[in-house]
Every structure is written in C-alpha cells, then in structure tokens.
C-alpha atoms as a PDB file:
ATOM      1  CA  UNK A   1     -38.773 -22.470  -9.767  1.00  0.00           C
ATOM      2  CA  UNK A   2     -35.778 -21.332  -8.475  1.00  0.00           C
ATOM      3  CA  UNK A   3     -34.800 -18.009  -7.217  1.00  0.00           C
ATOM      4  CA  UNK A   4     -31.303 -16.344  -8.501  1.00  0.00           C
ATOM      5  CA  UNK A   5     -28.377 -17.437  -6.523  1.00  0.00           C
ATOM      6  CA  UNK A   6     -26.762 -15.852  -3.762  1.00  0.00           C
ATOM      7  CA  UNK A   7     -24.241 -12.617  -4.735  1.00  0.00           C
ATOM      8  CA  UNK A   8     -20.773 -14.578  -3.949  1.00  0.00           C
ATOM      9  CA  UNK A   9     -19.171 -13.051  -0.387  1.00  0.00           C
ATOM     10  CA  UNK A  10     -16.778 -10.439  -0.654  1.00  0.00           C
ATOM     11  CA  UNK A  11     -13.018 -11.149   0.722  1.00  0.00           C
ATOM     12  CA  UNK A  12     -10.979  -8.354  -0.973  1.00  0.00           C
ATOM     13  CA  UNK A  13      -9.808  -5.027  -0.100  1.00  0.00           C
ATOM     14  CA  UNK A  14      -8.043  -2.747  -1.453  1.00  0.00           C
ATOM     15  CA  UNK A  15      -6.333   0.377   0.439  1.00  0.00           C
ATOM     16  CA  UNK A  16      -5.860   3.535  -1.638  1.00  0.00           C
ATOM     17  CA  UNK A  17      -2.793   5.306  -0.870  1.00  0.00           C
ATOM     18  CA  UNK A  18      -2.435   9.085  -2.675  1.00  0.00           C
ATOM     19  CA  UNK A  19      -0.469  11.812  -2.445  1.00  0.00           C
ATOM     20  CA  UNK A  20      -1.460  13.480   0.785  1.00  0.00           C
ATOM     21  CA  UNK A  21      -0.385  16.725   0.150  1.00  0.00           C
ATOM     22  CA  UNK A  22      -1.707  18.049   2.879  1.00  0.00           C
ATOM     23  CA  UNK A  23      -0.595  15.935   6.036  1.00  0.00           C
ATOM     24  CA  UNK A  24       2.767  14.443   3.994  1.00  0.00           C
ATOM     25  CA  UNK A  25       3.574  10.832   4.781  1.00  0.00           C
ATOM     26  CA  UNK A  26       0.069  10.675   6.468  1.00  0.00           C
ATOM     27  CA  UNK A  27       0.076   6.577   6.316  1.00  0.00           C
ATOM     28  CA  UNK A  28       3.053   6.427   8.304  1.00  0.00           C
ATOM     29  CA  UNK A  29       1.962   9.206  11.368  1.00  0.00           C
ATOM     30  CA  UNK A  30       1.847   7.180  14.472  1.00  0.00           C
ATOM     31  CA  UNK A  31      -1.225   6.880  16.900  1.00  0.00           C
ATOM     32  CA  UNK A  32      -0.734   5.016  19.932  1.00  0.00           C
ATOM     33  CA  UNK A  33       2.569   3.463  18.832  1.00  0.00           C
ATOM     34  CA  UNK A  34       1.544   2.487  15.499  1.00  0.00           C
ATOM     35  CA  UNK A  35       1.240   4.069  11.921  1.00  0.00           C
ATOM     36  CA  UNK A  36      -1.914   5.271  10.745  1.00  0.00           C
ATOM     37  CA  UNK A  37      -2.157   2.678   7.774  1.00  0.00           C
ATOM     38  CA  UNK A  38      -0.511  -0.167  10.100  1.00  0.00           C
ATOM     39  CA  UNK A  39      -3.693   0.099  12.314  1.00  0.00           C
ATOM     40  CA  UNK A  40      -6.164  -0.358   9.784  1.00  0.00           C
ATOM     41  CA  UNK A  41      -4.865  -3.126   7.893  1.00  0.00           C
ATOM     42  CA  UNK A  42      -4.326  -4.975  11.331  1.00  0.00           C
ATOM     43  CA  UNK A  43      -8.075  -4.692  11.202  1.00  0.00           C
ATOM     44  CA  UNK A  44      -8.666  -5.365   7.648  1.00  0.00           C
ATOM     45  CA  UNK A  45      -6.633  -8.816   8.175  1.00  0.00           C
ATOM     46  CA  UNK A  46      -8.311  -9.634  11.257  1.00  0.00           C
ATOM     47  CA  UNK A  47     -12.015  -9.389   9.323  1.00  0.00           C
ATOM     48  CA  UNK A  48     -10.402 -11.802   6.703  1.00  0.00           C
ATOM     49  CA  UNK A  49     -10.196  -9.781   3.609  1.00  0.00           C
ATOM     50  CA  UNK A  50      -7.117 -10.234   1.328  1.00  0.00           C
ATOM     51  CA  UNK A  51      -5.908  -6.700   1.118  1.00  0.00           C
ATOM     52  CA  UNK A  52      -3.842  -4.993  -2.042  1.00  0.00           C
ATOM     53  CA  UNK A  53      -2.108  -1.142  -1.637  1.00  0.00           C
ATOM     54  CA  UNK A  54      -2.842   1.048  -4.324  1.00  0.00           C
ATOM     55  CA  UNK A  55      -0.238   3.742  -4.145  1.00  0.00           C
ATOM     56  CA  UNK A  56       1.141   6.489  -6.157  1.00  0.00           C
ATOM     57  CA  UNK A  57       4.356   6.006  -4.614  1.00  0.00           C
ATOM     58  CA  UNK A  58       6.818   3.016  -3.274  1.00  0.00           C
ATOM     59  CA  UNK A  59       5.369   1.551  -0.419  1.00  0.00           C
ATOM     60  CA  UNK A  60       7.932  -0.529   2.100  1.00  0.00           C
ATOM     61  CA  UNK A  61       7.419  -2.053   5.545  1.00  0.00           C
ATOM     62  CA  UNK A  62       4.258  -3.989   4.399  1.00  0.00           C
ATOM     63  CA  UNK A  63       3.946  -7.779   3.157  1.00  0.00           C
ATOM     64  CA  UNK A  64       1.198  -7.259   0.740  1.00  0.00           C
ATOM     65  CA  UNK A  65       0.496  -6.501  -3.106  1.00  0.00           C
ATOM     66  CA  UNK A  66       0.893  -3.227  -4.041  1.00  0.00           C
ATOM     67  CA  UNK A  67      -0.618  -2.166  -7.149  1.00  0.00           C
ATOM     68  CA  UNK A  68       0.878   1.125  -8.596  1.00  0.00           C
ATOM     69  CA  UNK A  69      -1.361   4.163  -9.194  1.00  0.00           C
ATOM     70  CA  UNK A  70      -0.038   4.965 -12.655  1.00  0.00           C
ATOM     71  CA  UNK A  71      -3.212   8.046 -12.868  1.00  0.00           C
ATOM     72  CA  UNK A  72      -2.589   9.725  -9.690  1.00  0.00           C
ATOM     73  CA  UNK A  73      -5.506  11.268 -10.274  1.00  0.00           C
ATOM     74  CA  UNK A  74      -7.454  10.483  -7.130  1.00  0.00           C
ATOM     75  CA  UNK A  75     -10.160   8.016  -5.956  1.00  0.00           C
ATOM     76  CA  UNK A  76     -11.434   7.984  -8.729  1.00  0.00           C
ATOM     77  CA  UNK A  77      -8.212   7.168 -10.711  1.00  0.00           C
ATOM     78  CA  UNK A  78      -7.093   4.567  -8.180  1.00  0.00           C
ATOM     79  CA  UNK A  79     -10.454   2.941  -8.761  1.00  0.00           C
ATOM     80  CA  UNK A  80      -9.849   2.364 -12.484  1.00  0.00           C
ATOM     81  CA  UNK A  81      -6.708   1.082 -11.820  1.00  0.00           C
ATOM     82  CA  UNK A  82      -7.867  -1.610  -9.645  1.00  0.00           C
ATOM     83  CA  UNK A  83     -10.984  -2.010 -11.736  1.00  0.00           C
ATOM     84  CA  UNK A  84      -8.354  -3.370 -14.382  1.00  0.00           C
ATOM     85  CA  UNK A  85      -7.933  -6.654 -12.435  1.00  0.00           C
ATOM     86  CA  UNK A  86      -9.991  -7.217  -9.311  1.00  0.00           C
ATOM     87  CA  UNK A  87     -12.379  -9.423  -8.582  1.00  0.00           C
ATOM     88  CA  UNK A  88     -16.437  -8.356  -9.451  1.00  0.00           C
ATOM     89  CA  UNK A  89     -16.969  -7.195  -6.132  1.00  0.00           C
ATOM     90  CA  UNK A  90     -14.414  -5.847  -3.489  1.00  0.00           C
ATOM     91  CA  UNK A  91     -13.845  -3.122  -0.300  1.00  0.00           C
ATOM     92  CA  UNK A  92     -12.263   0.032  -1.521  1.00  0.00           C
ATOM     93  CA  UNK A  93     -11.127   2.096   1.609  1.00  0.00           C
ATOM     94  CA  UNK A  94      -8.768   4.999   2.176  1.00  0.00           C
ATOM     95  CA  UNK A  95      -5.379   4.368   3.701  1.00  0.00           C
ATOM     96  CA  UNK A  96      -5.970   6.954   6.714  1.00  0.00           C
ATOM     97  CA  UNK A  97      -9.002   5.179   8.668  1.00  0.00           C
ATOM     98  CA  UNK A  98      -7.216   3.982  11.561  1.00  0.00           C
ATOM     99  CA  UNK A  99     -10.706   3.069  13.341  1.00  0.00           C
ATOM    100  CA  UNK A 100     -12.320   0.728  10.556  1.00  0.00           C
ATOM    101  CA  UNK A 101     -13.546  -2.164  12.321  1.00  0.00           C
ATOM    102  CA  UNK A 102     -14.086  -5.434  12.076  1.00  0.00           C
ATOM    103  CA  UNK A 103     -17.686  -5.355  12.817  1.00  0.00           C
ATOM    104  CA  UNK A 104     -18.359  -2.738  10.150  1.00  0.00           C
ATOM    105  CA  UNK A 105     -16.546  -5.275   7.496  1.00  0.00           C
ATOM    106  CA  UNK A 106     -19.008  -7.822   8.820  1.00  0.00           C
ATOM    107  CA  UNK A 107     -21.761  -5.937   8.693  1.00  0.00           C
ATOM    108  CA  UNK A 108     -21.162  -4.773   5.279  1.00  0.00           C
ATOM    109  CA  UNK A 109     -20.622  -8.342   4.016  1.00  0.00           C
ATOM    110  CA  UNK A 110     -24.335  -9.541   5.704  1.00  0.00           C
ATOM    111  CA  UNK A 111     -25.764  -6.723   3.981  1.00  0.00           C
ATOM    112  CA  UNK A 112     -23.893  -7.045   0.320  1.00  0.00           C
ATOM    113  CA  UNK A 113     -26.466  -8.184  -2.149  1.00  0.00           C
ATOM    114  CA  UNK A 114     -24.404  -8.108  -5.338  1.00  0.00           C
ATOM    115  CA  UNK A 115     -24.472  -4.237  -6.015  1.00  0.00           C
ATOM    116  CA  UNK A 116     -22.384  -1.478  -5.333  1.00  0.00           C
ATOM    117  CA  UNK A 117     -22.871  -1.057  -0.872  1.00  0.00           C
ATOM    118  CA  UNK A 118     -22.367   3.044   0.237  1.00  0.00           C
ATOM    119  CA  UNK A 119     -23.104   3.235   3.943  1.00  0.00           C
ATOM    120  CA  UNK A 120     -24.007   7.036   5.128  1.00  0.00           C
ATOM    121  CA  UNK A 121     -22.842   8.591   8.102  1.00  0.00           C
ATOM    122  CA  UNK A 122     -25.165  10.165  10.507  1.00  0.00           C
ATOM    123  CA  UNK A 123     -24.719  13.407   8.899  1.00  0.00           C
ATOM    124  CA  UNK A 124     -26.190  11.703   5.426  1.00  0.00           C
ATOM    125  CA  UNK A 125     -22.497  12.032   3.652  1.00  0.00           C
ATOM    126  CA  UNK A 126     -21.411   9.175   1.261  1.00  0.00           C
ATOM    127  CA  UNK A 127     -18.906   7.017   2.504  1.00  0.00           C
ATOM    128  CA  UNK A 128     -17.465   6.307  -0.951  1.00  0.00           C
ATOM    129  CA  UNK A 129     -14.021   5.450   0.630  1.00  0.00           C
ATOM    130  CA  UNK A 130     -15.406   2.873   2.917  1.00  0.00           C
ATOM    131  CA  UNK A 131     -17.973   0.654   0.417  1.00  0.00           C
ATOM    132  CA  UNK A 132     -18.228  -2.348  -1.547  1.00  0.00           C
ATOM    133  CA  UNK A 133     -18.091  -1.693  -5.485  1.00  0.00           C
ATOM    134  CA  UNK A 134     -19.531  -4.624  -7.315  1.00  0.00           C
ATOM    135  CA  UNK A 135     -20.038  -5.213 -10.877  1.00  0.00           C
ATOM    136  CA  UNK A 136     -18.494  -1.398 -12.383  1.00  0.00           C
ATOM    137  CA  UNK A 137     -17.785  -1.305 -15.966  1.00  0.00           C
ATOM    138  CA  UNK A 138     -14.024   0.052 -16.041  1.00  0.00           C
ATOM    139  CA  UNK A 139     -15.276   1.973 -19.260  1.00  0.00           C
ATOM    140  CA  UNK A 140     -17.887   3.769 -17.307  1.00  0.00           C
ATOM    141  CA  UNK A 141     -15.227   4.870 -14.527  1.00  0.00           C
ATOM    142  CA  UNK A 142     -12.768   5.953 -16.893  1.00  0.00           C
ATOM    143  CA  UNK A 143     -15.817   8.415 -18.856  1.00  0.00           C
ATOM    144  CA  UNK A 144     -16.407   9.639 -15.540  1.00  0.00           C
ATOM    145  CA  UNK A 145     -12.673  10.531 -15.043  1.00  0.00           C
ATOM    146  CA  UNK A 146     -12.296  11.643 -18.418  1.00  0.00           C
ATOM    147  CA  UNK A 147     -14.668  14.187 -17.496  1.00  0.00           C
ATOM    148  CA  UNK A 148     -12.425  15.374 -14.695  1.00  0.00           C
ATOM    149  CA  UNK A 149     -15.337  14.108 -12.097  1.00  0.00           C
ATOM    150  CA  UNK A 150     -14.535  11.959  -8.967  1.00  0.00           C
ATOM    151  CA  UNK A 151     -15.648   8.719  -7.166  1.00  0.00           C
ATOM    152  CA  UNK A 152     -18.605  10.610  -5.608  1.00  0.00           C
ATOM    153  CA  UNK A 153     -19.560  11.159  -9.586  1.00  0.00           C
ATOM    154  CA  UNK A 154     -19.565   7.856 -10.561  1.00  0.00           C
ATOM    155  CA  UNK A 155     -21.775   6.300  -7.427  1.00  0.00           C
ATOM    156  CA  UNK A 156     -24.381   9.256  -8.266  1.00  0.00           C
ATOM    157  CA  UNK A 157     -24.399   7.455 -11.923  1.00  0.00           C
ATOM    158  CA  UNK A 158     -24.504   3.961 -10.468  1.00  0.00           C
ATOM    159  CA  UNK A 159     -27.435   4.849  -8.318  1.00  0.00           C
ATOM    160  CA  UNK A 160     -29.530   6.889 -11.210  1.00  0.00           C
ATOM    161  CA  UNK A 161     -29.426   3.413 -13.023  1.00  0.00           C
ATOM    162  CA  UNK A 162     -30.332   1.572  -9.513  1.00  0.00           C
ATOM    163  CA  UNK A 163     -26.688   0.124  -9.370  1.00  0.00           C
ATOM    164  CA  UNK A 164     -26.100   1.173  -5.720  1.00  0.00           C
ATOM    165  CA  UNK A 165     -27.439  -0.139  -2.444  1.00  0.00           C
ATOM    166  CA  UNK A 166     -27.300   2.237   0.814  1.00  0.00           C
ATOM    167  CA  UNK A 167     -26.480   1.240   4.213  1.00  0.00           C
ATOM    168  CA  UNK A 168     -28.987   3.456   6.161  1.00  0.00           C
ATOM    169  CA  UNK A 169     -26.838   5.998   9.220  1.00  0.00           C
ATOM    170  CA  UNK A 170     -26.741   4.601  12.471  1.00  0.00           C
ATOM    171  CA  UNK A 171     -25.697   0.655  11.093  1.00  0.00           C
ATOM    172  CA  UNK A 172     -21.979   1.284  11.978  1.00  0.00           C
ATOM    173  CA  UNK A 173     -20.237   2.888  14.707  1.00  0.00           C
ATOM    174  CA  UNK A 174     -19.458   6.228  12.920  1.00  0.00           C
ATOM    175  CA  UNK A 175     -15.971   6.301  14.315  1.00  0.00           C
ATOM    176  CA  UNK A 176     -15.419   3.569  11.518  1.00  0.00           C
ATOM    177  CA  UNK A 177     -15.329   6.600   8.728  1.00  0.00           C
ATOM    178  CA  UNK A 178     -12.830   8.746  10.719  1.00  0.00           C
ATOM    179  CA  UNK A 179     -10.055   9.761   8.394  1.00  0.00           C
ATOM    180  CA  UNK A 180      -6.977  11.762   8.650  1.00  0.00           C
ATOM    181  CA  UNK A 181      -6.266  14.564   6.105  1.00  0.00           C
ATOM    182  CA  UNK A 182      -4.396  17.498   8.231  1.00  0.00           C
ATOM    183  CA  UNK A 183      -2.335  18.265  11.079  1.00  0.00           C
ATOM    184  CA  UNK A 184      -5.088  19.378  13.049  1.00  0.00           C
ATOM    185  CA  UNK A 185      -6.670  15.997  12.189  1.00  0.00           C
ATOM    186  CA  UNK A 186      -4.092  14.220  13.589  1.00  0.00           C
ATOM    187  CA  UNK A 187      -3.767  16.328  16.966  1.00  0.00           C
ATOM    188  CA  UNK A 188      -7.207  15.724  17.083  1.00  0.00           C
ATOM    189  CA  UNK A 189      -7.103  12.200  17.656  1.00  0.00           C
ATOM    190  CA  UNK A 190      -3.889  11.651  19.570  1.00  0.00           C
ATOM    191  CA  UNK A 191      -5.901  14.079  22.065  1.00  0.00           C
ATOM    192  CA  UNK A 192      -8.560  11.336  22.106  1.00  0.00           C
ATOM    193  CA  UNK A 193     -11.360  13.619  19.953  1.00  0.00           C
ATOM    194  CA  UNK A 194     -12.984  13.048  16.413  1.00  0.00           C
ATOM    195  CA  UNK A 195     -12.126  16.083  13.919  1.00  0.00           C
ATOM    196  CA  UNK A 196     -14.827  17.976  13.978  1.00  0.00           C
ATOM    197  CA  UNK A 197     -15.806  17.991  10.130  1.00  0.00           C
ATOM    198  CA  UNK A 198     -17.300  15.319   7.439  1.00  0.00           C
ATOM    199  CA  UNK A 199     -15.195  12.384   7.461  1.00  0.00           C
ATOM    200  CA  UNK A 200     -14.566   9.454   4.558  1.00  0.00           C
ATOM    201  CA  UNK A 201     -15.423  11.772   1.648  1.00  0.00           C
ATOM    202  CA  UNK A 202     -13.745  11.964  -1.828  1.00  0.00           C
ATOM    203  CA  UNK A 203     -10.317  13.028  -1.194  1.00  0.00           C
END
C-alpha cells in the first residue's frame, strides 16, 4: 500500500500593493538606490518564483502580470481576488518587504506539506503576509471578509480546522519579515536599523 502523493511544489507568488495611507507611494520609495518593491521582486525572482502583483492602483515600470484588486479591502480582500484565479498553493507577500530572502523562500518550500504554512517571528507574531496559502476555499475567505474581519481571522479559522502548519520562530532570518508602513520605518531602515515594532502584520 502506498502513501499519499507528495504535495505539488509552490512556484507562484502574489505581492500585494494596497493604498499605503500612512506612507503614500511607499512601494516606490528608495532604499540603497532601489525601490522597496524592486528589491523584493528581485529576491523573489532569484528564488525562482513567478510573481503577480495585486494592486488597487495602476502599476507601471514592472514587466509582470498585474491583477487589479477591485475590493480594496486590505490583505484579505486582495486574497479573495487572488483565490479567484490562483493555483491551489502560492506564496503571499506584502509589497513593502525589502529584505525577503531567497533562503527564506527555499526553507518554506521544503517545509510545505500541502497545508497553509505561516511562519512565526521571535515575538510569536503571525507572519500572514509572508506565507504559503494552500487549498483555501474562496467562499470561506469571502465569508470572513463580509463579517468585517481580516486575514489573521481567516488564518485563525483555518487553524481551528487543522488546515494550518506553523513554521517555528528561528527557522527564518527575522529580517525577512521587515515591512515598511510609516515614514519612521523607512528612516530607520535607511539608517541601518530595523523598526522597533511587530513586523509583517495584517495591514
């Protein structure tokens, strides 16, 4: 008797570009001579991922597929847009994560077992925008969205049903979770510092 077939590898990534009210235009802000978004896309490309941008605004300057996010309802709304046309499993990232690393992507690919995979940071923060989503029913995600909840709430519900694997803190370099939400965050990174706050949250 043979066991279940191994899960199919994950080779797609969706990168979310929201309105960025606290730091307008943040995805195109420069860090070490390159935009935050370009730095991230470079790392994801080197990691062998095929990337689609999911944006509420027009996107210029990148030779990538762009998926318009008509819901404009934060990360969970964007995920619902993605689920309507994505493969069964894919990476989901915020578009303001300039230190996403190839090594982190490789580690998550190796750890993937066919269920949604969410890393934990050192402070036990759920890195829901640096995760692999797998076999998430769009109806389930839309129900959570219609209740006025967010991406973390969806992950919590999936976890209760045994549909989430957690990647323990320390398995990935914490710097990979760094995101940029405010002018102070960007100033800190330009000064060589990591912002002193929980990172990679549900924005």
